[in-house]
Amino acid sequence: MARILNYVILIAVVIAVVAWALGLSGQIEIAAGEYWIGVSLPVAVLLLLGAFVLFHLGLRLYSWMVRTPERRKLRVDLDNRAMAEIAVTRAMVALAAGQPATARAELAEAKRLAGESAPLLAMEAEAARAQGDEAGVTAAYEALAARSDAKFLGLQGLMEQAKARGDAQAQERLAREAAKAEPRAQSLRLEQGEAAMRRQDWREALALAPDDAPIAPLALAAARDAETAAEARAFERQAFQADPGFAPAALALAARLGGDAGLSVLRQSWEAAPHPAIASAWIGPETDPAGRLRLVDDLTRTHVAHPESRALRALVALGAGQTVRARQDLVAWEQSGDLDRRWYQLMAALERAEQGAGFSDAAQHEWDRRAQEAPPSPAWVCEACGHIHPNWEPACSACGTVGRIVWRRPG
C-alpha cells in the first residue's frame, strides 16, 4: 500500500512539473560556429526531464543485467536445497526402515546438491554404523570434528568409538580436546571422570563425580592417596558425611580423630548401618569381660534388634561366660527370622559352653552342617559381578568396577 502511495505522489509531482514547464515563456539557444539550435523553454525542460528518466532507466537495466547471473545462481541454489531436503527426508525414512545403503545413497545425493553440512555428516555416521561400516563412521565423525560449528559433535562420536574398542588413551585425548571445544558439556565431565577412575586418579575422579556417583568410596580412596594428614582428614570427613553408614570411612576418620570425637564418629556410623568392624573399634583394647559388656550395651541400645547387634551381644556375652544372656539374644534373633551362618555358629558355641564335656562331636557336626546350609554371613561384595572381597577396596579386583563394593550378604 505504501509503495502505491509513493507512485501516486511521484506521478502528481511529474504532472505538476510539466504543467509548470508549459507555462514558462522564453527560448533556449545553442550556437556553435555556423550551427544554431533553438528550443522553447518548456520543451527544453521536458527534454531535460526525459533525459533524466532515460538515464535512470538505463542504470536500472544495467544493474538488472549485471545481477542476472547472481539471481540465477541463487535460484539454482534454492532449487538444489529443496531437492536436498527431499533427499534427506528419504534418507531418514530409509534409516527408519532398516535400509542403510539406500540412506547413504540419498545422503550422497543431498551432499552433491547442497554441499556438506553438520546434520548431513551426523546422519551419514548413523547410516554407516547401521551398515556396519566403522571406517565410514570414523570418516563422518572426523569431518564433523574438522568443522568449527560441529567440532564437539565429531569428537564425541570419536570418543564413543574409542570407548567401544577399549582404547582408553585415545578416549582421554579426545575428551580433553572436546572439553576445550565445549567446556560446559556435562557428558565430558562424565567421560573424564570415568577415565580418572580407570587410571585410579581418585582425586580427579572425585572432583568430576556427578551427584549420583559413589562419593563416599571415591573420597576415602582419595584420602588413601593424600600427601598430607590434613588433606587425608578432609577427604575422610567428606566420605563420612556423604555416607555415615560407610564403615571404612568411619573407621578411618575415627582413628585419625581419636578420643571422644572418634567415638562420636563410630556411634553415628553404627546408628546409620551397624557393622562388626565398627563394634570392634568401639570396644577397642578393653579386655575386661564386664567392661566389654558395658561398651556393647552402650553401643547397641538404639539398634538392639538388628542382626549385627544380636550377634555382637551374644558373642561378647559368651566371652564373659554369661550363657543365659547369650541365649536370650540368640533366641530373639531366631524369632526375627533373619538368620545367617553366624547364628548357627554362635548356637554351637553356646551349647558347648553350657554342656561342657557333654557336648559331642556329632552335635558340632550337625551345627556345622546347618550353618553351611544357612544364608552366608555379610561380606564385602561387588554389586557389579558378585565377587567377594576380604576387605573393602575402591575398585573390584575381578571386574574393575569402582565404588560398588558393599557390605551385604552374598548371592
Protein backbone atom coordinates (compact mmCIF):
# COMPACT_ATOMS: atom_id res chain seq x y z
CA MET A 1 0.00 0.00 0.00
CA ALA A 2 2.82 2.40 0.86
CA ARG A 3 4.51 1.72 -2.50
CA ILE A 4 1.29 2.57 -4.38
CA LEU A 5 1.01 5.85 -2.48
CA ASN A 6 4.60 6.70 -3.38
CA TYR A 7 3.91 6.09 -7.09
CA VAL A 8 0.79 8.28 -6.93
CA ILE A 9 2.75 11.08 -5.30
CA LEU A 10 5.54 10.77 -7.91
CA ILE A 11 3.07 10.96 -10.82
CA ALA A 12 1.43 14.01 -9.26
CA VAL A 13 4.80 15.73 -8.94
CA VAL A 14 5.69 14.96 -12.57
CA ILE A 15 2.36 16.36 -13.78
CA ALA A 16 2.90 19.46 -11.69
CA VAL A 17 6.40 19.95 -13.13
CA VAL A 18 5.13 19.51 -16.71
CA ALA A 19 2.33 21.97 -16.14
CA TRP A 20 4.76 24.44 -14.68
CA ALA A 21 7.17 23.98 -17.58
CA LEU A 22 4.40 24.53 -20.17
CA GLY A 23 3.57 27.79 -18.54
CA LEU A 24 7.07 29.16 -18.97
CA SER A 25 7.97 31.59 -21.73
CA GLY A 26 11.27 32.21 -23.46
CA GLN A 27 13.68 30.31 -25.62
CA ILE A 28 16.97 28.45 -25.19
CA GLU A 29 19.52 28.83 -27.98
CA ILE A 30 22.72 26.86 -28.54
CA ALA A 31 25.16 28.23 -31.19
CA ALA A 32 28.41 26.60 -32.34
CA GLY A 33 30.03 28.29 -35.35
CA GLU A 34 27.58 28.10 -38.19
CA TYR A 35 25.24 25.81 -36.30
CA TRP A 36 22.40 27.05 -34.19
CA ILE A 37 19.76 25.22 -32.19
CA GLY A 38 16.88 26.95 -30.55
CA VAL A 39 14.02 25.42 -28.48
CA SER A 40 11.43 26.98 -26.32
CA LEU A 41 12.00 26.86 -22.57
CA PRO A 42 9.09 24.45 -21.86
CA VAL A 43 10.40 21.98 -24.44
CA ALA A 44 13.93 22.24 -23.04
CA VAL A 45 12.68 21.47 -19.54
CA LEU A 46 10.71 18.48 -20.81
CA LEU A 47 13.70 17.20 -22.78
CA LEU A 48 15.89 17.52 -19.73
CA LEU A 49 13.34 15.61 -17.67
CA GLY A 50 13.08 12.91 -20.33
CA ALA A 51 16.87 12.56 -20.48
CA PHE A 52 16.96 12.09 -16.74
CA VAL A 53 14.28 9.42 -16.92
CA LEU A 54 16.10 7.60 -19.72
CA PHE A 55 19.38 7.76 -17.80
CA HIS A 56 17.69 6.35 -14.70
CA LEU A 57 16.09 3.54 -16.70
CA GLY A 58 19.44 2.75 -18.27
CA LEU A 59 21.08 2.43 -14.90
CA ARG A 60 18.31 0.13 -13.71
CA LEU A 61 18.64 -2.01 -16.83
CA TYR A 62 22.41 -2.25 -16.39
CA SER A 63 22.02 -3.24 -12.75
CA TRP A 64 19.47 -5.90 -13.67
CA MET A 65 21.76 -7.33 -16.37
CA VAL A 66 24.75 -7.39 -14.01
CA ARG A 67 22.81 -9.15 -11.25
CA THR A 68 21.13 -11.68 -13.51
CA PRO A 69 23.81 -14.41 -13.07
CA GLU A 70 23.69 -13.96 -9.30
CA ARG A 71 19.91 -14.26 -9.30
CA ARG A 72 20.10 -17.33 -11.47
CA LYS A 73 22.69 -18.88 -9.14
CA LEU A 74 20.50 -18.09 -6.14
CA ARG A 75 17.52 -19.70 -7.84
CA VAL A 76 19.57 -22.80 -8.65
CA ASP A 77 20.85 -22.96 -5.06
CA LEU A 78 17.32 -22.70 -3.71
CA ASP A 79 16.14 -25.43 -6.05
CA ASN A 80 19.09 -27.64 -5.07
CA ARG A 81 18.43 -27.08 -1.39
CA ALA A 82 14.80 -28.02 -1.83
CA MET A 83 15.81 -31.19 -3.65
CA ALA A 84 18.46 -31.89 -0.98
CA GLU A 85 15.83 -31.62 1.75
CA ILE A 86 13.73 -34.16 -0.11
CA ALA A 87 16.76 -36.47 -0.35
CA VAL A 88 17.44 -36.08 3.38
CA THR A 89 13.83 -36.92 4.16
CA ARG A 90 14.10 -40.04 2.02
CA ALA A 91 17.34 -40.94 3.84
CA MET A 92 15.62 -40.62 7.21
CA VAL A 93 12.79 -42.86 6.07
CA ALA A 94 15.30 -45.40 4.72
CA LEU A 95 17.19 -45.44 8.03
CA ALA A 96 13.96 -45.95 9.95
CA ALA A 97 13.07 -48.77 7.60
CA GLY A 98 16.41 -50.50 8.16
CA GLN A 99 17.84 -49.70 4.73
CA PRO A 100 21.20 -48.03 5.48
CA ALA A 101 22.57 -48.47 1.95
CA THR A 102 19.63 -46.55 0.48
CA ALA A 103 20.00 -43.93 3.17
CA ARG A 104 23.68 -43.42 2.35
CA ALA A 105 22.88 -43.06 -1.36
CA GLU A 106 20.26 -40.41 -0.61
CA LEU A 107 22.68 -38.58 1.68
CA ALA A 108 25.33 -38.59 -1.03
CA GLU A 109 22.80 -37.03 -3.42
CA ALA A 110 21.88 -34.41 -0.80
CA LYS A 111 25.57 -33.62 -0.31
CA ARG A 112 26.02 -33.22 -4.08
CA LEU A 113 23.08 -30.85 -4.30
CA ALA A 114 23.59 -28.71 -1.19
CA GLY A 115 27.13 -29.40 -0.09
CA GLU A 116 28.42 -30.87 3.17
CA SER A 117 26.72 -29.85 6.41
CA ALA A 118 26.87 -30.93 10.04
CA PRO A 119 23.40 -32.57 10.04
CA LEU A 120 24.25 -34.48 6.86
CA LEU A 121 27.52 -35.74 8.35
CA ALA A 122 25.78 -36.79 11.57
CA MET A 123 23.20 -38.76 9.58
CA GLU A 124 25.95 -40.23 7.43
CA ALA A 125 27.68 -41.53 10.57
CA GLU A 126 24.45 -43.16 11.76
CA ALA A 127 23.82 -44.74 8.36
CA ALA A 128 27.38 -46.07 8.22
CA ARG A 129 27.03 -47.51 11.73
CA ALA A 130 23.76 -49.19 10.77
CA GLN A 131 25.55 -50.75 7.80
CA GLY A 132 28.46 -51.93 9.97
CA ASP A 133 30.96 -49.65 8.22
CA GLU A 134 33.13 -48.41 11.11
CA ALA A 135 35.55 -46.75 8.70
CA GLY A 136 32.65 -44.75 7.28
CA VAL A 137 31.54 -43.80 10.78
CA THR A 138 35.06 -42.62 11.61
CA ALA A 139 35.29 -40.60 8.38
CA ALA A 140 31.99 -38.84 9.12
CA TYR A 141 32.97 -38.02 12.69
CA GLU A 142 36.40 -36.79 11.59
CA ALA A 143 34.72 -34.50 9.07
CA LEU A 144 32.48 -33.18 11.83
CA ALA A 145 35.46 -32.65 14.13
CA ALA A 146 37.17 -30.63 11.39
CA ARG A 147 34.26 -28.15 11.30
CA SER A 148 34.25 -25.22 13.69
CA ASP A 149 30.46 -25.41 14.14
CA ALA A 150 30.35 -29.14 14.94
CA LYS A 151 33.76 -29.98 16.38
CA PHE A 152 32.35 -31.13 19.71
CA LEU A 153 29.84 -33.44 18.00
CA GLY A 154 32.58 -35.07 15.94
CA LEU A 155 34.92 -35.51 18.90
CA GLN A 156 32.13 -37.02 20.98
CA GLY A 157 31.44 -39.56 18.25
CA LEU A 158 35.13 -40.44 18.00
CA MET A 159 35.21 -40.84 21.81
CA GLU A 160 32.36 -43.32 21.66
CA GLN A 161 34.26 -45.33 19.06
CA ALA A 162 37.44 -45.29 21.18
CA LYS A 163 35.43 -46.43 24.20
CA ALA A 164 33.82 -49.26 22.22
CA ARG A 165 37.18 -50.63 21.09
CA GLY A 166 38.73 -50.20 24.55
CA ASP A 167 41.27 -47.54 23.56
CA ALA A 168 41.45 -45.64 26.86
CA GLN A 169 44.32 -43.39 25.77
CA ALA A 170 42.51 -42.20 22.65
CA GLN A 171 39.35 -41.71 24.69
CA GLU A 172 41.13 -39.49 27.21
CA ARG A 173 42.88 -37.48 24.48
CA LEU A 174 39.61 -36.90 22.64
CA ALA A 175 37.87 -35.98 25.90
CA ARG A 176 40.48 -33.28 26.56
CA GLU A 177 40.02 -31.89 23.04
CA ALA A 178 36.23 -31.94 23.41
CA ALA A 179 36.49 -30.16 26.77
CA LYS A 180 38.31 -27.31 25.05
CA ALA A 181 35.63 -27.16 22.35
CA GLU A 182 32.70 -27.26 24.79
CA PRO A 183 33.84 -26.72 28.40
CA ARG A 184 30.29 -26.77 29.84
CA ALA A 185 29.29 -30.18 28.48
CA GLN A 186 28.17 -32.47 31.32
CA SER A 187 28.83 -35.59 29.26
CA LEU A 188 32.50 -34.64 29.10
CA ARG A 189 32.73 -34.47 32.86
CA LEU A 190 31.37 -37.99 32.96
CA GLU A 191 33.88 -39.18 30.35
CA GLN A 192 36.78 -37.53 32.16
CA GLY A 193 35.57 -38.90 35.48
CA GLU A 194 35.43 -42.43 34.08
CA ALA A 195 38.91 -42.00 32.65
CA ALA A 196 40.20 -40.83 36.04
CA MET A 197 38.66 -43.88 37.70
CA ARG A 198 40.24 -46.21 35.16
CA ARG A 199 43.69 -44.87 35.96
CA GLN A 200 42.73 -44.71 39.67
CA ASP A 201 43.28 -40.98 39.97
CA TRP A 202 40.83 -40.78 42.85
CA ARG A 203 41.23 -37.06 43.49
CA GLU A 204 40.27 -36.13 39.92
CA ALA A 205 37.53 -38.77 39.83
CA LEU A 206 36.04 -37.25 42.98
CA ALA A 207 36.26 -33.72 41.60
CA LEU A 208 34.45 -34.76 38.40
CA ALA A 209 31.91 -37.08 40.05
CA PRO A 210 28.21 -36.32 39.35
CA ASP A 211 25.69 -36.04 42.17
CA ASP A 212 24.61 -39.69 41.89
CA ALA A 213 28.18 -41.04 41.97
CA PRO A 214 29.53 -43.10 44.94
CA ILE A 215 31.07 -40.09 46.67
CA ALA A 216 32.00 -41.85 49.92
CA PRO A 217 34.16 -44.59 48.29
CA LEU A 218 35.83 -42.07 45.99
CA ALA A 219 36.60 -39.69 48.84
CA LEU A 220 38.04 -42.47 51.01
CA ALA A 221 40.16 -43.68 48.09
CA ALA A 222 41.41 -40.11 47.62
CA ALA A 223 42.25 -39.99 51.35
CA ARG A 224 44.45 -43.05 50.96
CA ASP A 225 46.46 -41.25 48.28
CA ALA A 226 46.60 -37.91 50.10
CA GLU A 227 50.02 -36.34 50.55
CA THR A 228 49.37 -34.75 53.96
CA ALA A 229 47.48 -35.76 57.09
CA ALA A 230 45.28 -32.66 56.86
CA GLU A 231 44.33 -33.50 53.31
CA ALA A 232 43.60 -37.11 54.24
CA ARG A 233 41.42 -35.98 57.15
CA ALA A 234 39.44 -33.67 54.85
CA PHE A 235 38.76 -36.49 52.37
CA GLU A 236 37.84 -38.91 55.17
CA ARG A 237 35.42 -36.38 56.60
CA GLN A 238 33.89 -35.87 53.15
CA ALA A 239 33.46 -39.64 52.80
CA PHE A 240 31.86 -39.94 56.24
CA GLN A 241 29.50 -37.02 55.64
CA ALA A 242 28.48 -38.45 52.26
CA ASP A 243 27.58 -41.80 53.86
CA PRO A 244 27.84 -42.15 57.67
CA GLY A 245 26.99 -45.84 57.32
CA PHE A 246 30.06 -46.49 55.17
CA ALA A 247 32.14 -48.30 57.79
CA PRO A 248 35.61 -47.95 56.19
CA ALA A 249 35.26 -44.16 56.10
CA ALA A 250 34.02 -44.01 59.69
CA LEU A 251 36.87 -46.23 60.89
CA ALA A 252 39.48 -44.14 59.08
CA LEU A 253 38.12 -40.83 60.40
CA ALA A 254 37.62 -42.15 63.94
CA ALA A 255 41.19 -43.47 64.06
CA ARG A 256 42.53 -40.13 62.84
CA LEU A 257 40.46 -38.02 65.25
CA GLY A 258 40.78 -40.27 68.30
CA GLY A 259 39.25 -39.57 71.71
CA ASP A 260 35.63 -38.53 72.12
CA ALA A 261 35.48 -37.20 68.57
CA GLY A 262 36.46 -40.59 67.21
CA LEU A 263 33.93 -42.36 69.41
CA SER A 264 31.23 -39.97 68.22
CA VAL A 265 32.02 -40.90 64.61
CA LEU A 266 31.81 -44.61 65.46
CA ARG A 267 28.45 -44.19 67.20
CA GLN A 268 26.99 -42.24 64.27
CA SER A 269 28.19 -44.87 61.83
CA TRP A 270 26.75 -47.74 63.90
CA GLU A 271 23.40 -45.99 64.15
CA ALA A 272 23.40 -45.45 60.39
CA ALA A 273 24.40 -49.02 59.49
CA PRO A 274 25.65 -51.47 62.18
CA HIS A 275 28.89 -53.16 61.14
CA PRO A 276 31.10 -55.61 63.08
CA ALA A 277 34.25 -53.58 62.34
CA ILE A 278 32.64 -50.55 63.99
CA ALA A 279 31.86 -52.67 67.03
CA SER A 280 35.46 -53.91 67.22
CA ALA A 281 36.77 -50.36 67.09
CA TRP A 282 34.23 -49.25 69.70
CA ILE A 283 35.23 -51.97 72.16
CA GLY A 284 38.87 -51.31 71.34
CA PRO A 285 41.53 -52.64 73.73
CA GLU A 286 39.06 -53.30 76.54
CA THR A 287 39.80 -56.82 77.86
CA ASP A 288 37.64 -56.93 80.97
CA PRO A 289 34.54 -59.04 80.13
CA ALA A 290 32.27 -56.85 82.23
CA GLY A 291 33.71 -53.73 80.63
CA ARG A 292 33.20 -55.17 77.16
CA LEU A 293 29.57 -55.95 78.01
CA ARG A 294 29.00 -52.35 79.17
CA LEU A 295 30.50 -50.99 75.97
CA VAL A 296 28.36 -53.29 73.86
CA ASP A 297 25.21 -52.35 75.77
CA ASP A 298 26.01 -48.68 75.24
CA LEU A 299 26.62 -49.12 71.51
CA THR A 300 23.61 -51.33 70.72
CA ARG A 301 20.93 -49.73 72.84
CA THR A 302 19.30 -47.96 69.88
CA HIS A 303 19.56 -50.92 67.45
CA VAL A 304 19.26 -53.86 69.78
CA ALA A 305 17.04 -55.85 67.38
CA HIS A 306 19.44 -55.56 64.44
CA PRO A 307 21.14 -58.86 63.49
CA GLU A 308 24.58 -57.25 63.93
CA SER A 309 23.59 -56.16 67.44
CA ARG A 310 22.27 -59.62 68.31
CA ALA A 311 25.42 -61.30 67.00
CA LEU A 312 27.68 -58.86 68.84
CA ARG A 313 25.78 -59.09 72.14
CA ALA A 314 25.72 -62.90 72.04
CA LEU A 315 29.42 -63.13 71.16
CA VAL A 316 30.54 -60.78 73.95
CA ALA A 317 28.18 -62.44 76.45
CA LEU A 318 29.68 -65.83 75.61
CA GLY A 319 33.15 -64.36 76.12
CA ALA A 320 32.04 -63.16 79.55
CA GLY A 321 30.59 -66.58 80.40
CA GLN A 322 27.02 -65.24 80.53
CA THR A 323 25.30 -68.03 78.65
CA VAL A 324 21.79 -67.03 79.76
CA ARG A 325 22.19 -63.58 78.30
CA ALA A 326 23.74 -65.00 75.11
CA ARG A 327 20.79 -67.40 74.69
CA GLN A 328 18.31 -64.54 75.15
CA ASP A 329 19.88 -62.60 72.30
CA LEU A 330 20.14 -65.67 70.06
CA VAL A 331 16.51 -66.64 70.69
CA ALA A 332 15.41 -63.07 69.90
CA TRP A 333 17.48 -63.19 66.74
CA GLU A 334 15.91 -66.50 65.75
CA GLN A 335 12.43 -65.08 66.23
CA SER A 336 13.22 -62.29 63.78
CA GLY A 337 13.73 -64.91 61.06
CA ASP A 338 16.71 -63.01 59.62
CA LEU A 339 19.37 -65.64 60.30
CA ASP A 340 22.72 -66.34 58.69
CA ARG A 341 25.60 -68.73 59.38
CA ARG A 342 26.78 -66.77 62.38
CA TRP A 343 23.65 -67.70 64.32
CA TYR A 344 24.34 -71.42 63.92
CA GLN A 345 27.99 -70.97 64.80
CA LEU A 346 27.08 -69.00 67.93
CA MET A 347 24.47 -71.58 68.91
CA ALA A 348 27.10 -74.29 68.63
CA ALA A 349 29.44 -72.23 70.82
CA LEU A 350 26.63 -71.61 73.31
CA GLU A 351 25.73 -75.29 73.68
CA ARG A 352 29.43 -76.15 74.04
CA ALA A 353 29.68 -73.56 76.83
CA GLU A 354 26.50 -74.85 78.50
CA GLN A 355 27.23 -78.58 78.19
CA GLY A 356 30.98 -78.55 78.58
CA ALA A 357 32.42 -82.03 78.06
CA GLY A 358 28.95 -83.35 77.30
CA PHE A 359 28.88 -81.51 74.00
CA SER A 360 29.56 -84.21 71.41
CA ASP A 361 31.37 -84.09 68.11
CA ALA A 362 28.17 -85.25 66.44
CA ALA A 363 26.35 -82.20 67.78
CA GLN A 364 29.14 -79.98 66.48
CA HIS A 365 28.94 -81.62 63.05
CA GLU A 366 25.19 -81.08 62.99
CA TRP A 367 25.56 -77.39 63.76
CA ASP A 368 28.28 -77.10 61.11
CA ARG A 369 26.03 -78.76 58.56
CA ARG A 370 23.16 -76.44 59.33
CA ALA A 371 25.50 -73.44 59.16
CA GLN A 372 26.66 -74.45 55.68
CA GLU A 373 23.06 -74.69 54.53
CA ALA A 374 22.16 -71.30 56.00
CA PRO A 375 22.43 -67.97 54.16
CA PRO A 376 26.02 -66.70 54.19
CA SER A 377 27.14 -64.02 56.60
CA PRO A 378 27.56 -60.44 55.29
CA ALA A 379 30.78 -59.69 53.41
CA TRP A 380 32.26 -57.10 51.08
CA VAL A 381 30.57 -57.96 47.78
CA CYS A 382 30.92 -56.31 44.38
CA GLU A 383 27.43 -55.37 43.23
CA ALA A 384 28.55 -55.50 39.61
CA CYS A 385 29.92 -59.05 39.43
CA GLY A 386 29.26 -60.61 42.86
CA HIS A 387 32.94 -61.15 43.70
CA ILE A 388 33.60 -61.38 47.45
CA HIS A 389 36.47 -59.34 48.88
CA PRO A 390 38.16 -59.94 52.24
CA ASN A 391 38.33 -56.18 52.78
CA TRP A 392 36.82 -53.10 51.22
CA GLU A 393 38.63 -51.72 48.15
CA PRO A 394 37.81 -48.75 45.90
CA ALA A 395 37.64 -50.95 42.79
CA CYS A 396 36.70 -54.58 42.30
CA SER A 397 39.74 -56.73 41.59
CA ALA A 398 37.62 -59.07 39.48
CA CYS A 399 35.74 -56.71 37.15
CA GLY A 400 37.34 -53.31 37.81
CA THR A 401 34.08 -51.58 38.73
CA VAL A 402 34.65 -48.58 41.01
CA GLY A 403 32.62 -47.77 44.11
CA ARG A 404 30.32 -50.82 44.01
CA ILE A 405 31.83 -52.97 46.78
CA VAL A 406 29.23 -53.00 49.56
CA TRP A 407 28.65 -54.81 52.82
CA ARG A 408 25.82 -57.33 52.37
CA ARG A 409 25.06 -61.00 52.18
CA PRO A 410 26.50 -62.63 49.06
CA GLY A 411 24.15 -64.05 46.48
